[in-house]
Amino acid sequence: MPDYIVREAEQADASGIQRVARAGWHAAYDDAMGSDTVDDCIDDWYDHETVAGAITDDDIDYLVATAEDRVVGYASAGPTDDDRPEAVAGLYSIYVHPDRWGAGIGTTLLERCTGRLRERGFEHLCLRVIATNEVGISFYRSHGFEKTGEEAAELKGQSLDEYEFARAL
């Protein structure tokens, strides 16, 4: 039996989500982007108002994994904001604290997200990942995602390659 539970995110989880985001991003991207750039991204994209807004957005499925009442992972998914068919959802984020990698938390979060998306009528799931995130890419491939595209992206003034992955739900 796992030592964690997965549940819907609540407002009180925002600071835990921020903590996991910062740790996960540093582990995944420091070598490619540098620690200061990672901190800038987290400060911008995971400020309290943004996280709290996403948690309460009815279009977004936002889940957290907790162990001993502490957030150890999170995932968010919902409709894409581009001109894809309505049946295609986007995996906005999925991170597990690096101290908990390999414990099955990411798999559980992904399974719960995909189940909820299927219930909402979505048929496919897509995501974007920075090309240097080998841990993430390996995770996605091991869960049936296939690379469907690649493009150059700019993040805080840095040019990086970004991959798109997708799979059927």
N, C-alpha and C. Protein backbone atom coordinates (compact mmCIF):
# COMPACT_ATOMS: atom_id res chain seq x y z
N MET A 1 0.85 -1.19 0.00
CA MET A 1 0.00 0.00 0.00
C MET A 1 0.89 1.24 0.00
N PRO A 2 0.59 2.19 -0.90
CA PRO A 2 1.43 3.40 -0.94
C PRO A 2 1.32 4.22 0.33
N ASP A 3 2.36 4.99 0.59
CA ASP A 3 2.37 5.86 1.78
C ASP A 3 1.90 7.27 1.43
N TYR A 4 1.16 7.40 0.33
CA TYR A 4 0.66 8.69 -0.10
C TYR A 4 -0.78 8.53 -0.58
N ILE A 5 -1.49 9.65 -0.65
CA ILE A 5 -2.83 9.65 -1.22
C ILE A 5 -2.87 10.69 -2.33
N VAL A 6 -3.75 10.48 -3.29
CA VAL A 6 -3.98 11.43 -4.36
C VAL A 6 -5.39 11.95 -4.21
N ARG A 7 -5.52 13.27 -4.26
CA ARG A 7 -6.83 13.91 -4.10
C ARG A 7 -6.87 15.20 -4.89
N GLU A 8 -8.05 15.79 -4.97
CA GLU A 8 -8.17 17.08 -5.62
C GLU A 8 -7.39 18.12 -4.83
N ALA A 9 -6.75 19.01 -5.55
CA ALA A 9 -6.00 20.10 -4.90
C ALA A 9 -6.97 21.08 -4.26
N GLU A 10 -6.52 21.66 -3.17
CA GLU A 10 -7.27 22.68 -2.44
C GLU A 10 -6.40 23.93 -2.32
N GLN A 11 -7.04 25.05 -2.03
CA GLN A 11 -6.30 26.31 -1.87
C GLN A 11 -5.12 26.16 -0.91
N ALA A 12 -5.31 25.42 0.15
CA ALA A 12 -4.25 25.27 1.16
C ALA A 12 -3.03 24.52 0.62
N ASP A 13 -3.16 23.89 -0.55
CA ASP A 13 -2.05 23.13 -1.14
C ASP A 13 -1.11 24.01 -1.97
N ALA A 14 -1.47 25.26 -2.19
CA ALA A 14 -0.71 26.11 -3.11
C ALA A 14 0.77 26.19 -2.73
N SER A 15 1.08 26.40 -1.48
CA SER A 15 2.50 26.53 -1.10
C SER A 15 3.24 25.20 -1.27
N GLY A 16 2.57 24.09 -1.03
CA GLY A 16 3.19 22.78 -1.25
C GLY A 16 3.45 22.53 -2.73
N ILE A 17 2.51 22.94 -3.58
CA ILE A 17 2.69 22.82 -5.03
C ILE A 17 3.88 23.66 -5.46
N GLN A 18 3.98 24.87 -4.94
CA GLN A 18 5.12 25.74 -5.27
C GLN A 18 6.44 25.10 -4.85
N ARG A 19 6.47 24.50 -3.67
CA ARG A 19 7.69 23.86 -3.17
C ARG A 19 8.10 22.69 -4.07
N VAL A 20 7.13 21.85 -4.44
CA VAL A 20 7.43 20.71 -5.31
C VAL A 20 7.85 21.20 -6.70
N ALA A 21 7.18 22.22 -7.22
CA ALA A 21 7.55 22.78 -8.53
C ALA A 21 8.99 23.25 -8.53
N ARG A 22 9.37 23.99 -7.51
CA ARG A 22 10.73 24.51 -7.45
C ARG A 22 11.75 23.37 -7.39
N ALA A 23 11.52 22.39 -6.54
CA ALA A 23 12.45 21.26 -6.41
C ALA A 23 12.50 20.45 -7.71
N GLY A 24 11.35 20.20 -8.31
CA GLY A 24 11.30 19.41 -9.54
C GLY A 24 11.95 20.12 -10.71
N TRP A 25 11.68 21.41 -10.84
CA TRP A 25 12.29 22.18 -11.92
C TRP A 25 13.81 22.27 -11.76
N HIS A 26 14.27 22.49 -10.53
CA HIS A 26 15.72 22.54 -10.33
C HIS A 26 16.36 21.20 -10.69
N ALA A 27 15.75 20.10 -10.29
CA ALA A 27 16.31 18.79 -10.60
C ALA A 27 16.31 18.52 -12.11
N ALA A 28 15.26 18.97 -12.80
CA ALA A 28 15.12 18.66 -14.22
C ALA A 28 15.86 19.64 -15.13
N TYR A 29 15.98 20.90 -14.72
CA TYR A 29 16.39 21.92 -15.67
C TYR A 29 17.61 22.77 -15.29
N ASP A 30 18.16 22.62 -14.11
CA ASP A 30 19.31 23.46 -13.74
C ASP A 30 20.46 23.33 -14.73
N ASP A 31 20.77 22.11 -15.16
CA ASP A 31 21.90 21.92 -16.08
C ASP A 31 21.65 22.61 -17.41
N ALA A 32 20.42 22.61 -17.88
CA ALA A 32 20.12 23.19 -19.19
C ALA A 32 19.87 24.69 -19.15
N MET A 33 19.28 25.18 -18.04
CA MET A 33 18.84 26.57 -18.00
C MET A 33 19.58 27.42 -16.98
N GLY A 34 20.13 26.77 -15.99
CA GLY A 34 20.75 27.50 -14.90
C GLY A 34 19.76 27.73 -13.76
N SER A 35 20.27 27.73 -12.56
CA SER A 35 19.44 27.84 -11.37
C SER A 35 18.66 29.15 -11.31
N ASP A 36 19.29 30.25 -11.68
CA ASP A 36 18.60 31.55 -11.62
C ASP A 36 17.43 31.60 -12.59
N THR A 37 17.60 31.06 -13.77
CA THR A 37 16.50 31.04 -14.75
C THR A 37 15.37 30.17 -14.26
N VAL A 38 15.69 29.03 -13.67
CA VAL A 38 14.66 28.16 -13.11
C VAL A 38 13.88 28.91 -12.03
N ASP A 39 14.60 29.59 -11.15
CA ASP A 39 13.91 30.37 -10.11
C ASP A 39 13.00 31.43 -10.71
N ASP A 40 13.46 32.11 -11.76
CA ASP A 40 12.62 33.12 -12.42
C ASP A 40 11.35 32.50 -12.99
N CYS A 41 11.47 31.33 -13.62
CA CYS A 41 10.30 30.65 -14.17
C CYS A 41 9.31 30.29 -13.06
N ILE A 42 9.80 29.72 -12.00
CA ILE A 42 8.92 29.32 -10.89
C ILE A 42 8.27 30.55 -10.27
N ASP A 43 9.05 31.61 -10.06
CA ASP A 43 8.49 32.83 -9.47
C ASP A 43 7.35 33.38 -10.33
N ASP A 44 7.51 33.32 -11.65
CA ASP A 44 6.49 33.84 -12.56
C ASP A 44 5.29 32.91 -12.70
N TRP A 45 5.54 31.63 -12.94
CA TRP A 45 4.47 30.70 -13.29
C TRP A 45 3.80 30.04 -12.11
N TYR A 46 4.44 30.07 -10.96
CA TYR A 46 3.88 29.41 -9.79
C TYR A 46 3.66 30.39 -8.63
N ASP A 47 3.41 31.66 -8.96
CA ASP A 47 3.09 32.58 -7.87
C ASP A 47 1.76 32.14 -7.27
N HIS A 48 1.50 32.58 -6.06
CA HIS A 48 0.34 32.09 -5.31
C HIS A 48 -0.97 32.33 -6.07
N GLU A 49 -1.12 33.49 -6.65
CA GLU A 49 -2.37 33.82 -7.35
C GLU A 49 -2.60 32.90 -8.55
N THR A 50 -1.56 32.60 -9.29
CA THR A 50 -1.68 31.72 -10.45
C THR A 50 -2.06 30.31 -10.02
N VAL A 51 -1.37 29.78 -9.03
CA VAL A 51 -1.66 28.42 -8.56
C VAL A 51 -3.07 28.36 -7.98
N ALA A 52 -3.42 29.32 -7.15
CA ALA A 52 -4.76 29.33 -6.54
C ALA A 52 -5.84 29.42 -7.61
N GLY A 53 -5.60 30.23 -8.64
CA GLY A 53 -6.57 30.36 -9.72
C GLY A 53 -6.75 29.06 -10.49
N ALA A 54 -5.67 28.36 -10.74
CA ALA A 54 -5.75 27.09 -11.45
C ALA A 54 -6.48 26.03 -10.63
N ILE A 55 -6.25 26.04 -9.33
CA ILE A 55 -6.90 25.07 -8.45
C ILE A 55 -8.42 25.25 -8.48
N THR A 56 -8.87 26.48 -8.56
CA THR A 56 -10.32 26.74 -8.51
C THR A 56 -10.96 26.81 -9.89
N ASP A 57 -10.19 26.70 -10.96
CA ASP A 57 -10.72 26.75 -12.32
C ASP A 57 -11.45 25.43 -12.62
N ASP A 58 -12.74 25.53 -12.93
CA ASP A 58 -13.54 24.33 -13.18
C ASP A 58 -13.11 23.55 -14.41
N ASP A 59 -12.40 24.18 -15.34
CA ASP A 59 -11.93 23.49 -16.54
C ASP A 59 -10.67 22.67 -16.29
N ILE A 60 -10.00 22.92 -15.18
CA ILE A 60 -8.73 22.26 -14.89
C ILE A 60 -8.91 21.19 -13.82
N ASP A 61 -8.44 19.99 -14.12
CA ASP A 61 -8.35 18.94 -13.10
C ASP A 61 -7.00 19.11 -12.45
N TYR A 62 -7.00 19.48 -11.18
CA TYR A 62 -5.75 19.73 -10.45
C TYR A 62 -5.70 18.76 -9.28
N LEU A 63 -4.72 17.88 -9.29
CA LEU A 63 -4.58 16.84 -8.26
C LEU A 63 -3.27 17.02 -7.51
N VAL A 64 -3.28 16.61 -6.27
CA VAL A 64 -2.04 16.57 -5.48
C VAL A 64 -1.88 15.17 -4.89
N ALA A 65 -0.63 14.80 -4.69
CA ALA A 65 -0.29 13.60 -3.93
C ALA A 65 0.28 14.12 -2.61
N THR A 66 -0.22 13.58 -1.51
CA THR A 66 0.28 14.00 -0.20
C THR A 66 0.74 12.79 0.60
N ALA A 67 1.75 13.02 1.40
CA ALA A 67 2.25 12.03 2.35
C ALA A 67 2.40 12.75 3.68
N GLU A 68 1.77 12.23 4.69
CA GLU A 68 1.78 12.87 6.01
C GLU A 68 1.36 14.33 5.92
N ASP A 69 0.29 14.58 5.15
CA ASP A 69 -0.30 15.91 4.96
C ASP A 69 0.65 16.91 4.31
N ARG A 70 1.63 16.43 3.58
CA ARG A 70 2.58 17.30 2.88
C ARG A 70 2.52 16.97 1.39
N VAL A 71 2.40 17.99 0.55
CA VAL A 71 2.35 17.77 -0.89
C VAL A 71 3.70 17.22 -1.36
N VAL A 72 3.64 16.08 -2.08
CA VAL A 72 4.85 15.47 -2.62
C VAL A 72 4.79 15.36 -4.14
N GLY A 73 3.64 15.73 -4.72
CA GLY A 73 3.49 15.70 -6.17
C GLY A 73 2.19 16.37 -6.57
N TYR A 74 2.10 16.73 -7.84
CA TYR A 74 0.87 17.35 -8.34
C TYR A 74 0.79 17.16 -9.84
N ALA A 75 -0.41 17.30 -10.36
CA ALA A 75 -0.64 17.24 -11.80
C ALA A 75 -1.85 18.10 -12.12
N SER A 76 -1.82 18.71 -13.30
CA SER A 76 -2.97 19.48 -13.76
C SER A 76 -3.17 19.22 -15.25
N ALA A 77 -4.44 19.17 -15.65
CA ALA A 77 -4.78 18.88 -17.04
C ALA A 77 -6.13 19.48 -17.37
N GLY A 78 -6.37 19.67 -18.65
CA GLY A 78 -7.65 20.20 -19.09
C GLY A 78 -7.61 20.49 -20.57
N PRO A 79 -8.57 21.29 -21.05
CA PRO A 79 -8.62 21.59 -22.48
C PRO A 79 -7.36 22.31 -22.95
N THR A 80 -7.00 22.08 -24.20
CA THR A 80 -5.88 22.83 -24.77
C THR A 80 -6.36 24.22 -25.13
N ASP A 81 -5.44 25.15 -25.19
CA ASP A 81 -5.83 26.53 -25.51
C ASP A 81 -5.41 26.91 -26.93
N ASP A 82 -5.25 25.91 -27.78
CA ASP A 82 -4.94 26.18 -29.17
C ASP A 82 -6.08 25.66 -30.04
N ASP A 83 -5.86 25.53 -31.31
CA ASP A 83 -6.96 25.15 -32.21
C ASP A 83 -7.01 23.65 -32.49
N ARG A 84 -6.75 22.86 -31.49
CA ARG A 84 -6.87 21.41 -31.62
C ARG A 84 -8.34 21.01 -31.50
N PRO A 85 -8.66 19.80 -31.93
CA PRO A 85 -10.04 19.33 -31.74
C PRO A 85 -10.41 19.31 -30.25
N GLU A 86 -11.69 19.47 -29.97
CA GLU A 86 -12.15 19.51 -28.57
C GLU A 86 -11.84 18.25 -27.79
N ALA A 87 -11.67 17.12 -28.49
CA ALA A 87 -11.42 15.86 -27.80
C ALA A 87 -9.97 15.71 -27.33
N VAL A 88 -9.13 16.72 -27.58
CA VAL A 88 -7.73 16.67 -27.18
C VAL A 88 -7.53 17.52 -25.92
N ALA A 89 -7.02 16.88 -24.89
CA ALA A 89 -6.72 17.59 -23.64
C ALA A 89 -5.21 17.82 -23.55
N GLY A 90 -4.83 18.73 -22.68
CA GLY A 90 -3.43 18.99 -22.44
C GLY A 90 -3.05 18.62 -21.01
N LEU A 91 -1.90 18.02 -20.85
CA LEU A 91 -1.33 17.80 -19.53
C LEU A 91 -0.49 19.03 -19.24
N TYR A 92 -0.98 19.90 -18.39
CA TYR A 92 -0.32 21.18 -18.12
C TYR A 92 0.93 20.98 -17.28
N SER A 93 0.83 20.12 -16.29
CA SER A 93 1.97 19.92 -15.40
C SER A 93 1.83 18.58 -14.70
N ILE A 94 2.97 17.99 -14.40
CA ILE A 94 3.03 16.82 -13.53
C ILE A 94 4.45 16.79 -12.95
N TYR A 95 4.54 16.95 -11.67
CA TYR A 95 5.83 16.95 -10.99
C TYR A 95 5.72 16.21 -9.67
N VAL A 96 6.78 15.52 -9.35
CA VAL A 96 6.92 14.83 -8.07
C VAL A 96 8.21 15.34 -7.45
N HIS A 97 8.19 15.56 -6.15
CA HIS A 97 9.42 16.00 -5.48
C HIS A 97 10.52 14.99 -5.77
N PRO A 98 11.71 15.45 -6.14
CA PRO A 98 12.80 14.52 -6.49
C PRO A 98 13.11 13.50 -5.40
N ASP A 99 12.88 13.83 -4.15
CA ASP A 99 13.10 12.87 -3.07
C ASP A 99 12.16 11.67 -3.17
N ARG A 100 11.08 11.82 -3.96
CA ARG A 100 10.07 10.77 -4.06
C ARG A 100 10.02 10.14 -5.45
N TRP A 101 10.97 10.48 -6.32
CA TRP A 101 10.99 9.87 -7.65
C TRP A 101 11.13 8.36 -7.51
N GLY A 102 10.43 7.63 -8.35
CA GLY A 102 10.52 6.18 -8.36
C GLY A 102 9.54 5.49 -7.42
N ALA A 103 8.72 6.24 -6.70
CA ALA A 103 7.78 5.65 -5.74
C ALA A 103 6.40 5.40 -6.35
N GLY A 104 6.22 5.68 -7.64
CA GLY A 104 4.93 5.44 -8.28
C GLY A 104 3.96 6.61 -8.19
N ILE A 105 4.38 7.71 -7.60
CA ILE A 105 3.49 8.85 -7.41
C ILE A 105 3.12 9.47 -8.76
N GLY A 106 4.09 9.65 -9.63
CA GLY A 106 3.81 10.22 -10.95
C GLY A 106 2.84 9.35 -11.73
N THR A 107 3.05 8.04 -11.68
CA THR A 107 2.15 7.12 -12.38
C THR A 107 0.73 7.23 -11.84
N THR A 108 0.59 7.27 -10.54
CA THR A 108 -0.74 7.39 -9.95
C THR A 108 -1.40 8.71 -10.34
N LEU A 109 -0.65 9.80 -10.28
CA LEU A 109 -1.19 11.10 -10.69
C LEU A 109 -1.64 11.06 -12.15
N LEU A 110 -0.80 10.51 -13.01
CA LEU A 110 -1.14 10.44 -14.43
C LEU A 110 -2.38 9.57 -14.66
N GLU A 111 -2.45 8.43 -14.01
CA GLU A 111 -3.62 7.56 -14.16
C GLU A 111 -4.90 8.24 -13.70
N ARG A 112 -4.84 8.93 -12.58
CA ARG A 112 -6.02 9.64 -12.10
C ARG A 112 -6.41 10.76 -13.05
N CYS A 113 -5.44 11.51 -13.56
CA CYS A 113 -5.73 12.58 -14.53
C CYS A 113 -6.38 12.02 -15.78
N THR A 114 -5.77 10.95 -16.34
CA THR A 114 -6.31 10.42 -17.58
C THR A 114 -7.71 9.85 -17.37
N GLY A 115 -7.96 9.23 -16.25
CA GLY A 115 -9.31 8.73 -15.95
C GLY A 115 -10.33 9.86 -15.90
N ARG A 116 -9.98 10.94 -15.24
CA ARG A 116 -10.88 12.09 -15.14
C ARG A 116 -11.11 12.72 -16.50
N LEU A 117 -10.06 12.80 -17.32
CA LEU A 117 -10.21 13.38 -18.65
C LEU A 117 -11.11 12.52 -19.53
N ARG A 118 -10.95 11.19 -19.44
CA ARG A 118 -11.84 10.28 -20.19
C ARG A 118 -13.29 10.49 -19.78
N GLU A 119 -13.52 10.62 -18.48
CA GLU A 119 -14.88 10.86 -17.98
C GLU A 119 -15.47 12.15 -18.55
N ARG A 120 -14.62 13.11 -18.83
CA ARG A 120 -15.07 14.39 -19.38
C ARG A 120 -15.21 14.35 -20.90
N GLY A 121 -14.91 13.21 -21.52
CA GLY A 121 -15.10 13.06 -22.96
C GLY A 121 -13.87 13.30 -23.82
N PHE A 122 -12.74 13.52 -23.20
CA PHE A 122 -11.51 13.69 -23.98
C PHE A 122 -11.03 12.32 -24.49
N GLU A 123 -10.40 12.32 -25.66
CA GLU A 123 -9.95 11.09 -26.27
C GLU A 123 -8.43 10.99 -26.41
N HIS A 124 -7.77 12.13 -26.38
CA HIS A 124 -6.30 12.17 -26.53
C HIS A 124 -5.72 13.16 -25.53
N LEU A 125 -4.46 12.94 -25.18
CA LEU A 125 -3.75 13.81 -24.26
C LEU A 125 -2.41 14.20 -24.88
N CYS A 126 -2.11 15.49 -24.86
CA CYS A 126 -0.83 15.96 -25.38
C CYS A 126 -0.12 16.76 -24.30
N LEU A 127 1.18 16.92 -24.48
CA LEU A 127 1.97 17.67 -23.52
C LEU A 127 3.22 18.19 -24.22
N ARG A 128 3.85 19.14 -23.57
CA ARG A 128 5.14 19.67 -24.05
C ARG A 128 6.16 19.47 -22.94
N VAL A 129 7.38 19.18 -23.36
CA VAL A 129 8.47 18.98 -22.41
C VAL A 129 9.75 19.52 -23.02
N ILE A 130 10.55 20.17 -22.21
CA ILE A 130 11.84 20.66 -22.68
C ILE A 130 12.73 19.45 -22.99
N ALA A 131 13.39 19.50 -24.13
CA ALA A 131 14.11 18.35 -24.67
C ALA A 131 15.18 17.80 -23.74
N THR A 132 15.71 18.61 -22.84
CA THR A 132 16.77 18.13 -21.94
C THR A 132 16.22 17.41 -20.70
N ASN A 133 14.90 17.37 -20.54
CA ASN A 133 14.30 16.73 -19.38
C ASN A 133 14.20 15.23 -19.62
N GLU A 134 15.33 14.56 -19.47
CA GLU A 134 15.41 13.13 -19.75
C GLU A 134 14.53 12.30 -18.81
N VAL A 135 14.42 12.71 -17.55
CA VAL A 135 13.57 11.99 -16.60
C VAL A 135 12.11 12.07 -17.05
N GLY A 136 11.67 13.27 -17.42
CA GLY A 136 10.30 13.44 -17.89
C GLY A 136 10.02 12.68 -19.17
N ILE A 137 10.92 12.78 -20.12
CA ILE A 137 10.73 12.09 -21.40
C ILE A 137 10.65 10.58 -21.20
N SER A 138 11.52 10.05 -20.38
CA SER A 138 11.49 8.62 -20.08
C SER A 138 10.16 8.23 -19.42
N PHE A 139 9.68 9.05 -18.50
CA PHE A 139 8.40 8.81 -17.83
C PHE A 139 7.27 8.78 -18.86
N TYR A 140 7.21 9.79 -19.72
CA TYR A 140 6.13 9.85 -20.70
C TYR A 140 6.17 8.67 -21.66
N ARG A 141 7.35 8.33 -22.13
CA ARG A 141 7.45 7.19 -23.04
C ARG A 141 7.02 5.89 -22.36
N SER A 142 7.38 5.73 -21.10
CA SER A 142 7.01 4.50 -20.39
C SER A 142 5.50 4.41 -20.15
N HIS A 143 4.80 5.52 -20.35
CA HIS A 143 3.34 5.53 -20.17
C HIS A 143 2.61 5.70 -21.51
N GLY A 144 3.26 5.29 -22.59
CA GLY A 144 2.59 5.21 -23.88
C GLY A 144 2.57 6.47 -24.72
N PHE A 145 3.24 7.52 -24.28
CA PHE A 145 3.29 8.74 -25.08
C PHE A 145 4.32 8.58 -26.19
N GLU A 146 4.00 9.17 -27.34
CA GLU A 146 4.92 9.18 -28.46
C GLU A 146 5.22 10.61 -28.86
N LYS A 147 6.44 10.83 -29.27
CA LYS A 147 6.85 12.17 -29.71
C LYS A 147 6.13 12.50 -31.01
N THR A 148 5.44 13.64 -31.02
CA THR A 148 4.66 14.03 -32.19
C THR A 148 5.15 15.34 -32.81
N GLY A 149 6.09 15.99 -32.17
CA GLY A 149 6.58 17.24 -32.72
C GLY A 149 7.77 17.77 -31.95
N GLU A 150 8.40 18.77 -32.55
CA GLU A 150 9.56 19.41 -31.93
C GLU A 150 9.62 20.84 -32.46
N GLU A 151 9.92 21.75 -31.58
CA GLU A 151 10.10 23.15 -32.02
C GLU A 151 11.02 23.88 -31.06
N ALA A 152 11.58 24.95 -31.55
CA ALA A 152 12.42 25.80 -30.71
C ALA A 152 11.50 26.68 -29.88
N ALA A 153 11.84 26.85 -28.62
CA ALA A 153 11.06 27.70 -27.72
C ALA A 153 12.01 28.66 -27.03
N GLU A 154 11.47 29.77 -26.60
CA GLU A 154 12.28 30.72 -25.84
C GLU A 154 11.72 30.79 -24.44
N LEU A 155 12.59 30.64 -23.48
CA LEU A 155 12.22 30.66 -22.07
C LEU A 155 13.15 31.62 -21.35
N LYS A 156 12.60 32.73 -20.92
CA LYS A 156 13.40 33.71 -20.19
C LYS A 156 14.65 34.11 -20.96
N GLY A 157 14.47 34.29 -22.27
CA GLY A 157 15.57 34.73 -23.11
C GLY A 157 16.50 33.63 -23.59
N GLN A 158 16.23 32.40 -23.19
CA GLN A 158 17.06 31.28 -23.61
C GLN A 158 16.34 30.46 -24.68
N SER A 159 17.06 30.06 -25.71
CA SER A 159 16.50 29.20 -26.74
C SER A 159 16.66 27.75 -26.31
N LEU A 160 15.57 27.04 -26.32
CA LEU A 160 15.57 25.63 -25.94
C LEU A 160 14.72 24.85 -26.92
N ASP A 161 15.03 23.57 -27.11
CA ASP A 161 14.17 22.71 -27.90
C ASP A 161 13.08 22.16 -26.99
N GLU A 162 11.89 22.09 -27.55
CA GLU A 162 10.74 21.58 -26.81
C GLU A 162 10.10 20.48 -27.65
N TYR A 163 9.76 19.37 -27.01
CA TYR A 163 9.11 18.26 -27.68
C TYR A 163 7.64 18.24 -27.32
N GLU A 164 6.84 17.78 -28.26
CA GLU A 164 5.43 17.48 -27.95
C GLU A 164 5.27 15.98 -27.96
N PHE A 165 4.54 15.48 -26.99
CA PHE A 165 4.21 14.06 -26.90
C PHE A 165 2.69 13.96 -26.82
N ALA A 166 2.17 12.82 -27.28
CA ALA A 166 0.72 12.61 -27.24
C ALA A 166 0.42 11.11 -27.13
N ARG A 167 -0.79 10.83 -26.68
CA ARG A 167 -1.27 9.45 -26.66
C ARG A 167 -2.79 9.47 -26.57
N ALA A 168 -3.37 8.33 -26.91
CA ALA A 168 -4.81 8.18 -26.76
C ALA A 168 -5.13 7.95 -25.28
N LEU A 169 -6.29 8.39 -24.88
CA LEU A 169 -6.74 8.15 -23.51
C LEU A 169 -7.51 6.83 -23.45
